[in-house]
Amino acid sequence: MLSTPQFLHGVFPFSGKGLDKPRLIDDSMAFTVPSGHLAQPLYFRGGHTGSSLVTVTLVRDGTTMRIFPMAAQGAVNIPLRVVEDVDPDTRLELHVAAPKGCSGEVVIDFGLVLI
């Protein structure tokens, strides 16, 4: 079985609206699993320059799949080893949330594989 790696990565500005109000980081942080394939998220690496706790949320068709908290000006490296497959035509998105008044840049490197 062949697998194809896919990556969502970049550096994006953010402005906090509240930790309970995550929103899409950027249009490039959305991925729809192509028909005829399954996707498996493999890892998440992220960091940010903000002065407070920031979260990045992996969203599957509008529902939270995983939340990655990052301390102030911190970074995380999380091998997901997600055991569930993500079905064809499923939309994956990465959202960011930060407290009101917290702003900065978030660095994202999210890897998945199509099988």
PDB file of N, CA and C in Angstrom:
ATOM      1  N   MET A   1       0.841  -1.172   0.000  1.00  0.00           N
ATOM      2  CA  MET A   1       0.000   0.000   0.000  1.00  0.00           C
ATOM      3  C   MET A   1       0.891   1.242   0.000  1.00  0.00           C
ATOM      4  N   LEU A   2       0.680   2.121  -0.966  1.00  0.00           N
ATOM      5  CA  LEU A   2       1.461   3.346  -1.046  1.00  0.00           C
ATOM      6  C   LEU A   2       0.876   4.396  -0.114  1.00  0.00           C
ATOM      7  N   SER A   3       1.736   5.215   0.448  1.00  0.00           N
ATOM      8  CA  SER A   3       1.275   6.327   1.275  1.00  0.00           C
ATOM      9  C   SER A   3       1.899   7.616   0.747  1.00  0.00           C
ATOM     10  N   THR A   4       1.169   8.704   0.917  1.00  0.00           N
ATOM     11  CA  THR A   4       1.624  10.010   0.446  1.00  0.00           C
ATOM     12  C   THR A   4       1.614  10.982   1.609  1.00  0.00           C
ATOM     13  N   PRO A   5       2.765  11.555   1.958  1.00  0.00           N
ATOM     14  CA  PRO A   5       2.765  12.529   3.057  1.00  0.00           C
ATOM     15  C   PRO A   5       2.137  13.856   2.629  1.00  0.00           C
ATOM     16  N   GLN A   6       1.481  14.495   3.560  1.00  0.00           N
ATOM     17  CA  GLN A   6       0.901  15.822   3.358  1.00  0.00           C
ATOM     18  C   GLN A   6       1.300  16.678   4.556  1.00  0.00           C
ATOM     19  N   PHE A   7       1.520  17.953   4.312  1.00  0.00           N
ATOM     20  CA  PHE A   7       1.955  18.842   5.383  1.00  0.00           C
ATOM     21  C   PHE A   7       1.151  20.130   5.342  1.00  0.00           C
ATOM     22  N   LEU A   8       0.771  20.609   6.506  1.00  0.00           N
ATOM     23  CA  LEU A   8       0.195  21.939   6.656  1.00  0.00           C
ATOM     24  C   LEU A   8       1.197  22.691   7.530  1.00  0.00           C
ATOM     25  N   HIS A   9       1.810  23.722   6.993  1.00  0.00           N
ATOM     26  CA  HIS A   9       2.797  24.431   7.790  1.00  0.00           C
ATOM     27  C   HIS A   9       2.911  25.883   7.352  1.00  0.00           C
ATOM     28  N   GLY A  10       3.413  26.679   8.275  1.00  0.00           N
ATOM     29  CA  GLY A  10       3.604  28.093   7.998  1.00  0.00           C
ATOM     30  C   GLY A  10       3.639  28.896   9.287  1.00  0.00           C
ATOM     31  N   VAL A  11       3.815  30.187   9.119  1.00  0.00           N
ATOM     32  CA  VAL A  11       3.822  31.135  10.231  1.00  0.00           C
ATOM     33  C   VAL A  11       2.702  32.133   9.971  1.00  0.00           C
ATOM     34  N   PHE A  12       1.840  32.333  10.981  1.00  0.00           N
ATOM     35  CA  PHE A  12       0.640  33.142  10.784  1.00  0.00           C
ATOM     36  C   PHE A  12       0.416  34.061  11.981  1.00  0.00           C
ATOM     37  N   PRO A  13      -0.011  35.279  11.741  1.00  0.00           N
ATOM     38  CA  PRO A  13      -0.353  36.165  12.854  1.00  0.00           C
ATOM     39  C   PRO A  13      -1.690  35.741  13.460  1.00  0.00           C
ATOM     40  N   PHE A  14      -1.850  36.025  14.747  1.00  0.00           N
ATOM     41  CA  PHE A  14      -3.139  35.775  15.394  1.00  0.00           C
ATOM     42  C   PHE A  14      -3.409  36.900  16.381  1.00  0.00           C
ATOM     43  N   SER A  15      -4.694  37.070  16.670  1.00  0.00           N
ATOM     44  CA  SER A  15      -5.132  38.040  17.661  1.00  0.00           C
ATOM     45  C   SER A  15      -6.218  37.367  18.490  1.00  0.00           C
ATOM     46  N   GLY A  16      -6.005  37.228  19.781  1.00  0.00           N
ATOM     47  CA  GLY A  16      -6.903  36.478  20.638  1.00  0.00           C
ATOM     48  C   GLY A  16      -8.267  37.112  20.787  1.00  0.00           C
ATOM     49  N   LYS A  17      -9.282  36.255  20.742  1.00  0.00           N
ATOM     50  CA  LYS A  17     -10.680  36.663  20.984  1.00  0.00           C
ATOM     51  C   LYS A  17     -11.248  35.929  22.191  1.00  0.00           C
ATOM     52  N   GLY A  18     -10.423  35.070  22.832  1.00  0.00           N
ATOM     53  CA  GLY A  18     -10.855  34.250  23.953  1.00  0.00           C
ATOM     54  C   GLY A  18     -10.467  32.801  23.700  1.00  0.00           C
ATOM     55  N   LEU A  19     -10.063  32.104  24.767  1.00  0.00           N
ATOM     56  CA  LEU A  19      -9.660  30.703  24.591  1.00  0.00           C
ATOM     57  C   LEU A  19     -10.826  29.822  24.159  1.00  0.00           C
ATOM     58  N   ASP A  20     -12.049  30.281  24.403  1.00  0.00           N
ATOM     59  CA  ASP A  20     -13.222  29.506  24.004  1.00  0.00           C
ATOM     60  C   ASP A  20     -13.741  29.896  22.622  1.00  0.00           C
ATOM     61  N   LYS A  21     -12.947  30.657  21.886  1.00  0.00           N
ATOM     62  CA  LYS A  21     -13.369  31.108  20.554  1.00  0.00           C
ATOM     63  C   LYS A  21     -12.294  30.806  19.504  1.00  0.00           C
ATOM     64  N   PRO A  22     -12.021  29.504  19.289  1.00  0.00           N
ATOM     65  CA  PRO A  22     -11.022  29.175  18.261  1.00  0.00           C
ATOM     66  C   PRO A  22     -11.542  29.516  16.865  1.00  0.00           C
ATOM     67  N   ARG A  23     -10.611  29.866  16.000  1.00  0.00           N
ATOM     68  CA  ARG A  23     -10.990  30.154  14.615  1.00  0.00           C
ATOM     69  C   ARG A  23      -9.881  29.691  13.680  1.00  0.00           C
ATOM     70  N   LEU A  24     -10.273  29.452  12.429  1.00  0.00           N
ATOM     71  CA  LEU A  24      -9.339  28.933  11.434  1.00  0.00           C
ATOM     72  C   LEU A  24      -8.117  29.848  11.367  1.00  0.00           C
ATOM     73  N   ILE A  25      -6.942  29.261  11.434  1.00  0.00           N
ATOM     74  CA  ILE A  25      -5.696  30.030  11.433  1.00  0.00           C
ATOM     75  C   ILE A  25      -5.522  30.768  10.121  1.00  0.00           C
ATOM     76  N   ASP A  26      -5.749  30.044   9.034  1.00  0.00           N
ATOM     77  CA  ASP A  26      -5.563  30.580   7.691  1.00  0.00           C
ATOM     78  C   ASP A  26      -6.232  29.577   6.742  1.00  0.00           C
ATOM     79  N   ASP A  27      -6.659  30.026   5.580  1.00  0.00           N
ATOM     80  CA  ASP A  27      -7.282  29.102   4.623  1.00  0.00           C
ATOM     81  C   ASP A  27      -6.357  27.942   4.263  1.00  0.00           C
ATOM     82  N   SER A  28      -5.040  28.168   4.309  1.00  0.00           N
ATOM     83  CA  SER A  28      -4.092  27.101   3.981  1.00  0.00           C
ATOM     84  C   SER A  28      -3.991  26.050   5.088  1.00  0.00           C
ATOM     85  N   MET A  29      -4.640  26.288   6.218  1.00  0.00           N
ATOM     86  CA  MET A  29      -4.634  25.336   7.334  1.00  0.00           C
ATOM     87  C   MET A  29      -5.881  24.452   7.323  1.00  0.00           C
ATOM     88  N   ALA A  30      -6.454  24.271   6.147  1.00  0.00           N
ATOM     89  CA  ALA A  30      -7.588  23.356   5.970  1.00  0.00           C
ATOM     90  C   ALA A  30      -7.214  22.352   4.884  1.00  0.00           C
ATOM     91  N   PHE A  31      -7.665  21.115   5.074  1.00  0.00           N
ATOM     92  CA  PHE A  31      -7.338  20.045   4.134  1.00  0.00           C
ATOM     93  C   PHE A  31      -8.522  19.099   4.054  1.00  0.00           C
ATOM     94  N   THR A  32      -8.948  18.802   2.830  1.00  0.00           N
ATOM     95  CA  THR A  32     -10.027  17.838   2.632  1.00  0.00           C
ATOM     96  C   THR A  32      -9.411  16.541   2.114  1.00  0.00           C
ATOM     97  N   VAL A  33      -9.702  15.456   2.796  1.00  0.00           N
ATOM     98  CA  VAL A  33      -9.175  14.148   2.397  1.00  0.00           C
ATOM     99  C   VAL A  33      -9.767  13.777   1.039  1.00  0.00           C
ATOM    100  N   PRO A  34      -8.913  13.511   0.047  1.00  0.00           N
ATOM    101  CA  PRO A  34      -9.426  13.196  -1.284  1.00  0.00           C
ATOM    102  C   PRO A  34     -10.255  11.903  -1.290  1.00  0.00           C
ATOM    103  N   SER A  35     -11.219  11.871  -2.192  1.00  0.00           N
ATOM    104  CA  SER A  35     -12.012  10.656  -2.359  1.00  0.00           C
ATOM    105  C   SER A  35     -11.089   9.491  -2.693  1.00  0.00           C
ATOM    106  N   GLY A  36     -11.398   8.341  -2.151  1.00  0.00           N
ATOM    107  CA  GLY A  36     -10.596   7.151  -2.423  1.00  0.00           C
ATOM    108  C   GLY A  36      -9.385   6.992  -1.531  1.00  0.00           C
ATOM    109  N   HIS A  37      -9.207   7.914  -0.564  1.00  0.00           N
ATOM    110  CA  HIS A  37      -8.065   7.844   0.356  1.00  0.00           C
ATOM    111  C   HIS A  37      -8.542   7.923   1.805  1.00  0.00           C
ATOM    112  N   LEU A  38      -7.716   7.427   2.682  1.00  0.00           N
ATOM    113  CA  LEU A  38      -7.876   7.645   4.115  1.00  0.00           C
ATOM    114  C   LEU A  38      -6.698   8.500   4.560  1.00  0.00           C
ATOM    115  N   ALA A  39      -6.888   9.286   5.600  1.00  0.00           N
ATOM    116  CA  ALA A  39      -5.795  10.101   6.141  1.00  0.00           C
ATOM    117  C   ALA A  39      -5.532   9.683   7.582  1.00  0.00           C
ATOM    118  N   GLN A  40      -4.271   9.761   7.965  1.00  0.00           N
ATOM    119  CA  GLN A  40      -3.885   9.508   9.351  1.00  0.00           C
ATOM    120  C   GLN A  40      -2.968  10.645   9.810  1.00  0.00           C
ATOM    121  N   PRO A  41      -3.442  11.482  10.738  1.00  0.00           N
ATOM    122  CA  PRO A  41      -2.573  12.517  11.296  1.00  0.00           C
ATOM    123  C   PRO A  41      -1.409  11.862  12.037  1.00  0.00           C
ATOM    124  N   LEU A  42      -0.202  12.357  11.796  1.00  0.00           N
ATOM    125  CA  LEU A  42       0.984  11.742  12.389  1.00  0.00           C
ATOM    126  C   LEU A  42       1.619  12.566  13.489  1.00  0.00           C
ATOM    127  N   TYR A  43       1.689  13.879  13.287  1.00  0.00           N
ATOM    128  CA  TYR A  43       2.350  14.690  14.316  1.00  0.00           C
ATOM    129  C   TYR A  43       1.881  16.133  14.222  1.00  0.00           C
ATOM    130  N   PHE A  44       2.094  16.848  15.314  1.00  0.00           N
ATOM    131  CA  PHE A  44       1.852  18.291  15.365  1.00  0.00           C
ATOM    132  C   PHE A  44       3.042  18.932  16.044  1.00  0.00           C
ATOM    133  N   ARG A  45       3.612  19.921  15.409  1.00  0.00           N
ATOM    134  CA  ARG A  45       4.635  20.768  16.019  1.00  0.00           C
ATOM    135  C   ARG A  45       4.133  22.191  15.924  1.00  0.00           C
ATOM    136  N   GLY A  46       4.254  22.908  16.992  1.00  0.00           N
ATOM    137  CA  GLY A  46       3.788  24.287  16.953  1.00  0.00           C
ATOM    138  C   GLY A  46       4.451  25.121  18.012  1.00  0.00           C
ATOM    139  N   GLY A  47       4.428  26.396  17.807  1.00  0.00           N
ATOM    140  CA  GLY A  47       4.935  27.350  18.770  1.00  0.00           C
ATOM    141  C   GLY A  47       4.277  28.691  18.508  1.00  0.00           C
ATOM    142  N   HIS A  48       4.476  29.608  19.431  1.00  0.00           N
ATOM    143  CA  HIS A  48       3.911  30.944  19.231  1.00  0.00           C
ATOM    144  C   HIS A  48       4.705  31.979  20.005  1.00  0.00           C
ATOM    145  N   THR A  49       4.477  33.220  19.645  1.00  0.00           N
ATOM    146  CA  THR A  49       5.220  34.316  20.260  1.00  0.00           C
ATOM    147  C   THR A  49       4.382  35.093  21.277  1.00  0.00           C
ATOM    148  N   GLY A  50       3.137  34.661  21.507  1.00  0.00           N
ATOM    149  CA  GLY A  50       2.238  35.392  22.399  1.00  0.00           C
ATOM    150  C   GLY A  50       2.661  35.306  23.859  1.00  0.00           C
ATOM    151  N   SER A  51       2.063  36.169  24.671  1.00  0.00           N
ATOM    152  CA  SER A  51       2.433  36.286  26.084  1.00  0.00           C
ATOM    153  C   SER A  51       1.558  35.450  27.015  1.00  0.00           C
ATOM    154  N   SER A  52       0.636  34.647  26.461  1.00  0.00           N
ATOM    155  CA  SER A  52      -0.265  33.826  27.276  1.00  0.00           C
ATOM    156  C   SER A  52      -0.400  32.438  26.658  1.00  0.00           C
ATOM    157  N   LEU A  53      -1.074  31.568  27.385  1.00  0.00           N
ATOM    158  CA  LEU A  53      -1.398  30.247  26.854  1.00  0.00           C
ATOM    159  C   LEU A  53      -2.204  30.404  25.562  1.00  0.00           C
ATOM    160  N   VAL A  54      -1.837  29.624  24.555  1.00  0.00           N
ATOM    161  CA  VAL A  54      -2.539  29.612  23.261  1.00  0.00           C
ATOM    162  C   VAL A  54      -2.849  28.152  22.949  1.00  0.00           C
ATOM    163  N   THR A  55      -3.980  27.910  22.323  1.00  0.00           N
ATOM    164  CA  THR A  55      -4.296  26.549  21.903  1.00  0.00           C
ATOM    165  C   THR A  55      -4.476  26.492  20.389  1.00  0.00           C
ATOM    166  N   VAL A  56      -4.061  25.366  19.831  1.00  0.00           N
ATOM    167  CA  VAL A  56      -4.363  25.045  18.436  1.00  0.00           C
ATOM    168  C   VAL A  56      -5.238  23.797  18.479  1.00  0.00           C
ATOM    169  N   THR A  57      -6.332  23.832  17.765  1.00  0.00           N
ATOM    170  CA  THR A  57      -7.300  22.736  17.770  1.00  0.00           C
ATOM    171  C   THR A  57      -7.369  22.105  16.393  1.00  0.00           C
ATOM    172  N   LEU A  58      -7.245  20.782  16.354  1.00  0.00           N
ATOM    173  CA  LEU A  58      -7.474  20.035  15.120  1.00  0.00           C
ATOM    174  C   LEU A  58      -8.963  19.726  15.057  1.00  0.00           C
ATOM    175  N   VAL A  59      -9.612  20.211  13.997  1.00  0.00           N
ATOM    176  CA  VAL A  59     -11.059  20.095  13.837  1.00  0.00           C
ATOM    177  C   VAL A  59     -11.350  19.168  12.664  1.00  0.00           C
ATOM    178  N   ARG A  60     -12.258  18.226  12.893  1.00  0.00           N
ATOM    179  CA  ARG A  60     -12.674  17.293  11.837  1.00  0.00           C
ATOM    180  C   ARG A  60     -14.145  17.547  11.551  1.00  0.00           C
ATOM    181  N   ASP A  61     -14.475  18.031  10.354  1.00  0.00           N
ATOM    182  CA  ASP A  61     -15.849  18.346   9.955  1.00  0.00           C
ATOM    183  C   ASP A  61     -16.585  19.134  11.032  1.00  0.00           C
ATOM    184  N   GLY A  62     -15.923  20.135  11.588  1.00  0.00           N
ATOM    185  CA  GLY A  62     -16.552  21.026  12.548  1.00  0.00           C
ATOM    186  C   GLY A  62     -16.517  20.552  13.992  1.00  0.00           C
ATOM    187  N   THR A  63     -15.951  19.375  14.240  1.00  0.00           N
ATOM    188  CA  THR A  63     -15.894  18.818  15.593  1.00  0.00           C
ATOM    189  C   THR A  63     -14.442  18.713  16.049  1.00  0.00           C
ATOM    190  N   THR A  64     -14.205  19.106  17.281  1.00  0.00           N
ATOM    191  CA  THR A  64     -12.846  19.039  17.824  1.00  0.00           C
ATOM    192  C   THR A  64     -12.345  17.604  17.844  1.00  0.00           C
ATOM    193  N   MET A  65     -11.132  17.424  17.310  1.00  0.00           N
ATOM    194  CA  MET A  65     -10.502  16.104  17.304  1.00  0.00           C
ATOM    195  C   MET A  65      -9.376  16.048  18.347  1.00  0.00           C
ATOM    196  N   ARG A  66      -8.543  17.100  18.421  1.00  0.00           N
ATOM    197  CA  ARG A  66      -7.451  17.204  19.388  1.00  0.00           C
ATOM    198  C   ARG A  66      -7.218  18.684  19.696  1.00  0.00           C
ATOM    199  N   ILE A  67      -6.773  18.974  20.918  1.00  0.00           N
ATOM    200  CA  ILE A  67      -6.406  20.332  21.319  1.00  0.00           C
ATOM    201  C   ILE A  67      -4.943  20.301  21.757  1.00  0.00           C
ATOM    202  N   PHE A  68      -4.164  21.245  21.243  1.00  0.00           N
ATOM    203  CA  PHE A  68      -2.741  21.333  21.564  1.00  0.00           C
ATOM    204  C   PHE A  68      -2.493  22.645  22.310  1.00  0.00           C
ATOM    205  N   PRO A  69      -2.384  22.621  23.639  1.00  0.00           N
ATOM    206  CA  PRO A  69      -2.071  23.850  24.375  1.00  0.00           C
ATOM    207  C   PRO A  69      -0.577  24.148  24.278  1.00  0.00           C
ATOM    208  N   MET A  70      -0.270  25.442  24.186  1.00  0.00           N
ATOM    209  CA  MET A  70       1.129  25.872  24.130  1.00  0.00           C
ATOM    210  C   MET A  70       1.309  27.013  25.125  1.00  0.00           C
ATOM    211  N   ALA A  71       2.260  26.861  26.024  1.00  0.00           N
ATOM    212  CA  ALA A  71       2.525  27.882  27.033  1.00  0.00           C
ATOM    213  C   ALA A  71       2.990  29.177  26.366  1.00  0.00           C
ATOM    214  N   ALA A  72       2.974  30.256  27.136  1.00  0.00           N
ATOM    215  CA  ALA A  72       3.420  31.550  26.630  1.00  0.00           C
ATOM    216  C   ALA A  72       4.785  31.425  25.981  1.00  0.00           C
ATOM    217  N   GLN A  73       4.866  31.893  24.775  1.00  0.00           N
ATOM    218  CA  GLN A  73       6.091  31.857  23.984  1.00  0.00           C
ATOM    219  C   GLN A  73       6.707  30.455  23.977  1.00  0.00           C
ATOM    220  N   GLY A  74       5.840  29.451  24.015  1.00  0.00           N
ATOM    221  CA  GLY A  74       6.299  28.076  24.069  1.00  0.00           C
ATOM    222  C   GLY A  74       6.086  27.335  22.769  1.00  0.00           C
ATOM    223  N   ALA A  75       6.522  26.076  22.782  1.00  0.00           N
ATOM    224  CA  ALA A  75       6.380  25.229  21.621  1.00  0.00           C
ATOM    225  C   ALA A  75       6.113  23.801  22.077  1.00  0.00           C
ATOM    226  N   VAL A  76       5.502  23.014  21.216  1.00  0.00           N
ATOM    227  CA  VAL A  76       5.226  21.615  21.502  1.00  0.00           C
ATOM    228  C   VAL A  76       5.575  20.771  20.284  1.00  0.00           C
ATOM    229  N   ASN A  77       5.910  19.531  20.535  1.00  0.00           N
ATOM    230  CA  ASN A  77       6.135  18.536  19.484  1.00  0.00           C
ATOM    231  C   ASN A  77       5.392  17.291  19.930  1.00  0.00           C
ATOM    232  N   ILE A  78       4.308  16.971  19.231  1.00  0.00           N
ATOM    233  CA  ILE A  78       3.446  15.888  19.669  1.00  0.00           C
ATOM    234  C   ILE A  78       3.307  14.854  18.560  1.00  0.00           C
ATOM    235  N   PRO A  79       3.885  13.665  18.756  1.00  0.00           N
ATOM    236  CA  PRO A  79       3.595  12.589  17.813  1.00  0.00           C
ATOM    237  C   PRO A  79       2.190  12.087  18.114  1.00  0.00           C
ATOM    238  N   LEU A  80       1.272  12.240  17.196  1.00  0.00           N
ATOM    239  CA  LEU A  80      -0.126  11.943  17.463  1.00  0.00           C
ATOM    240  C   LEU A  80      -0.393  10.455  17.537  1.00  0.00           C
ATOM    241  N   ARG A  81       0.150   9.718  16.599  1.00  0.00           N
ATOM    242  CA  ARG A  81      -0.145   8.300  16.545  1.00  0.00           C
ATOM    243  C   ARG A  81      -1.647   8.072  16.649  1.00  0.00           C
ATOM    244  N   VAL A  82      -2.396   8.905  15.932  1.00  0.00           N
ATOM    245  CA  VAL A  82      -3.847   8.775  15.932  1.00  0.00           C
ATOM    246  C   VAL A  82      -4.198   7.423  15.332  1.00  0.00           C
ATOM    247  N   VAL A  83      -4.965   6.660  16.081  1.00  0.00           N
ATOM    248  CA  VAL A  83      -5.260   5.317  15.617  1.00  0.00           C
ATOM    249  C   VAL A  83      -6.462   5.265  14.690  1.00  0.00           C
ATOM    250  N   GLU A  84      -7.312   6.298  14.743  1.00  0.00           N
ATOM    251  CA  GLU A  84      -8.464   6.256  13.858  1.00  0.00           C
ATOM    252  C   GLU A  84      -8.114   6.860  12.498  1.00  0.00           C
ATOM    253  N   ASP A  85      -8.631   6.251  11.462  1.00  0.00           N
ATOM    254  CA  ASP A  85      -8.469   6.787  10.123  1.00  0.00           C
ATOM    255  C   ASP A  85      -9.456   7.927   9.924  1.00  0.00           C
ATOM    256  N   VAL A  86      -9.058   8.885   9.097  1.00  0.00           N
ATOM    257  CA  VAL A  86      -9.952   9.983   8.724  1.00  0.00           C
ATOM    258  C   VAL A  86     -10.495   9.653   7.340  1.00  0.00           C
ATOM    259  N   ASP A  87     -11.797   9.581   7.240  1.00  0.00           N
ATOM    260  CA  ASP A  87     -12.478   9.117   6.027  1.00  0.00           C
ATOM    261  C   ASP A  87     -12.330  10.085   4.849  1.00  0.00           C
ATOM    262  N   PRO A  88     -12.538   9.559   3.635  1.00  0.00           N
ATOM    263  CA  PRO A  88     -12.525  10.420   2.441  1.00  0.00           C
ATOM    264  C   PRO A  88     -13.555  11.547   2.570  1.00  0.00           C
ATOM    265  N   ASP A  89     -13.251  12.667   1.960  1.00  0.00           N
ATOM    266  CA  ASP A  89     -14.100  13.860   1.913  1.00  0.00           C
ATOM    267  C   ASP A  89     -14.264  14.550   3.265  1.00  0.00           C
ATOM    268  N   THR A  90     -13.510  14.122   4.267  1.00  0.00           N
ATOM    269  CA  THR A  90     -13.528  14.787   5.573  1.00  0.00           C
ATOM    270  C   THR A  90     -12.657  16.030   5.499  1.00  0.00           C
ATOM    271  N   ARG A  91     -13.149  17.110   6.099  1.00  0.00           N
ATOM    272  CA  ARG A  91     -12.381  18.357   6.125  1.00  0.00           C
ATOM    273  C   ARG A  91     -11.674  18.472   7.476  1.00  0.00           C
ATOM    274  N   LEU A  92     -10.352  18.606   7.419  1.00  0.00           N
ATOM    275  CA  LEU A  92      -9.546  18.853   8.616  1.00  0.00           C
ATOM    276  C   LEU A  92      -9.128  20.311   8.616  1.00  0.00           C
ATOM    277  N   GLU A  93      -9.199  20.936   9.777  1.00  0.00           N
ATOM    278  CA  GLU A  93      -8.794  22.339   9.901  1.00  0.00           C
ATOM    279  C   GLU A  93      -7.994  22.506  11.186  1.00  0.00           C
ATOM    280  N   LEU A  94      -7.094  23.469  11.185  1.00  0.00           N
ATOM    281  CA  LEU A  94      -6.373  23.860  12.393  1.00  0.00           C
ATOM    282  C   LEU A  94      -6.834  25.255  12.797  1.00  0.00           C
ATOM    283  N   HIS A  95      -7.313  25.360  14.044  1.00  0.00           N
ATOM    284  CA  HIS A  95      -7.822  26.621  14.581  1.00  0.00           C
ATOM    285  C   HIS A  95      -6.913  27.084  15.710  1.00  0.00           C
ATOM    286  N   VAL A  96      -6.855  28.368  15.915  1.00  0.00           N
ATOM    287  CA  VAL A  96      -6.087  28.931  17.028  1.00  0.00           C
ATOM    288  C   VAL A  96      -7.029  29.702  17.937  1.00  0.00           C
ATOM    289  N   ALA A  97      -6.740  29.643  19.236  1.00  0.00           N
ATOM    290  CA  ALA A  97      -7.483  30.433  20.221  1.00  0.00           C
ATOM    291  C   ALA A  97      -6.489  30.998  21.223  1.00  0.00           C
ATOM    292  N   ALA A  98      -6.733  32.222  21.626  1.00  0.00           N
ATOM    293  CA  ALA A  98      -5.875  32.895  22.601  1.00  0.00           C
ATOM    294  C   ALA A  98      -6.747  33.845  23.425  1.00  0.00           C
ATOM    295  N   PRO A  99      -6.311  34.169  24.643  1.00  0.00           N
ATOM    296  CA  PRO A  99      -7.073  35.116  25.452  1.00  0.00           C
ATOM    297  C   PRO A  99      -7.182  36.475  24.755  1.00  0.00           C
ATOM    298  N   LYS A 100      -8.234  37.195  25.086  1.00  0.00           N
ATOM    299  CA  LYS A 100      -8.392  38.544  24.542  1.00  0.00           C
ATOM    300  C   LYS A 100      -7.151  39.364  24.857  1.00  0.00           C
ATOM    301  N   GLY A 101      -6.688  40.088  23.883  1.00  0.00           N
ATOM    302  CA  GLY A 101      -5.528  40.959  24.055  1.00  0.00           C
ATOM    303  C   GLY A 101      -4.202  40.279  23.775  1.00  0.00           C
ATOM    304  N   CYS A 102      -4.209  38.961  23.654  1.00  0.00           N
ATOM    305  CA  CYS A 102      -2.978  38.237  23.345  1.00  0.00           C
ATOM    306  C   CYS A 102      -2.841  38.135  21.833  1.00  0.00           C
ATOM    307  N   SER A 103      -1.731  38.562  21.313  1.00  0.00           N
ATOM    308  CA  SER A 103      -1.503  38.466  19.875  1.00  0.00           C
ATOM    309  C   SER A 103      -0.055  38.056  19.636  1.00  0.00           C
ATOM    310  N   GLY A 104       0.219  37.648  18.433  1.00  0.00           N
ATOM    311  CA  GLY A 104       1.567  37.222  18.076  1.00  0.00           C
ATOM    312  C   GLY A 104       1.532  36.451  16.775  1.00  0.00           C
ATOM    313  N   GLU A 105       2.489  35.580  16.634  1.00  0.00           N
ATOM    314  CA  GLU A 105       2.554  34.709  15.467  1.00  0.00           C
ATOM    315  C   GLU A 105       2.594  33.263  15.947  1.00  0.00           C
ATOM    316  N   VAL A 106       1.883  32.415  15.228  1.00  0.00           N
ATOM    317  CA  VAL A 106       1.877  30.999  15.544  1.00  0.00           C
ATOM    318  C   VAL A 106       2.610  30.260  14.422  1.00  0.00           C
ATOM    319  N   VAL A 107       3.452  29.314  14.830  1.00  0.00           N
ATOM    320  CA  VAL A 107       4.225  28.509  13.890  1.00  0.00           C
ATOM    321  C   VAL A 107       3.616  27.106  13.884  1.00  0.00           C
ATOM    322  N   ILE A 108       3.246  26.632  12.709  1.00  0.00           N
ATOM    323  CA  ILE A 108       2.560  25.342  12.590  1.00  0.00           C
ATOM    324  C   ILE A 108       3.336  24.417  11.663  1.00  0.00           C
ATOM    325  N   ASP A 109       3.467  23.166  12.087  1.00  0.00           N
ATOM    326  CA  ASP A 109       3.974  22.089  11.229  1.00  0.00           C
ATOM    327  C   ASP A 109       3.160  20.850  11.586  1.00  0.00           C
ATOM    328  N   PHE A 110       2.207  20.531  10.729  1.00  0.00           N
ATOM    329  CA  PHE A 110       1.289  19.417  10.967  1.00  0.00           C
ATOM    330  C   PHE A 110       1.458  18.412   9.833  1.00  0.00           C
ATOM    331  N   GLY A 111       1.727  17.169  10.190  1.00  0.00           N
ATOM    332  CA  GLY A 111       1.956  16.152   9.180  1.00  0.00           C
ATOM    333  C   GLY A 111       0.919  15.046   9.234  1.00  0.00           C
ATOM    334  N   LEU A 112       0.497  14.620   8.070  1.00  0.00           N
ATOM    335  CA  LEU A 112      -0.420  13.490   7.969  1.00  0.00           C
ATOM    336  C   LEU A 112      -0.034  12.681   6.746  1.00  0.00           C
ATOM    337  N   VAL A 113      -0.579  11.503   6.665  1.00  0.00           N
ATOM    338  CA  VAL A 113      -0.289  10.647   5.535  1.00  0.00           C
ATOM    339  C   VAL A 113      -1.607  10.189   4.907  1.00  0.00           C
ATOM    340  N   LEU A 114      -1.624  10.156   3.588  1.00  0.00           N
ATOM    341  CA  LEU A 114      -2.771   9.617   2.856  1.00  0.00           C
ATOM    342  C   LEU A 114      -2.447   8.186   2.479  1.00  0.00           C
ATOM    343  N   ILE A 115      -3.419   7.305   2.682  1.00  0.00           N
ATOM    344  CA  ILE A 115      -3.238   5.910   2.281  1.00  0.00           C
ATOM    345  C   ILE A 115      -4.403   5.476   1.426  1.00  0.00           C
TER     346      ILE A 115
END
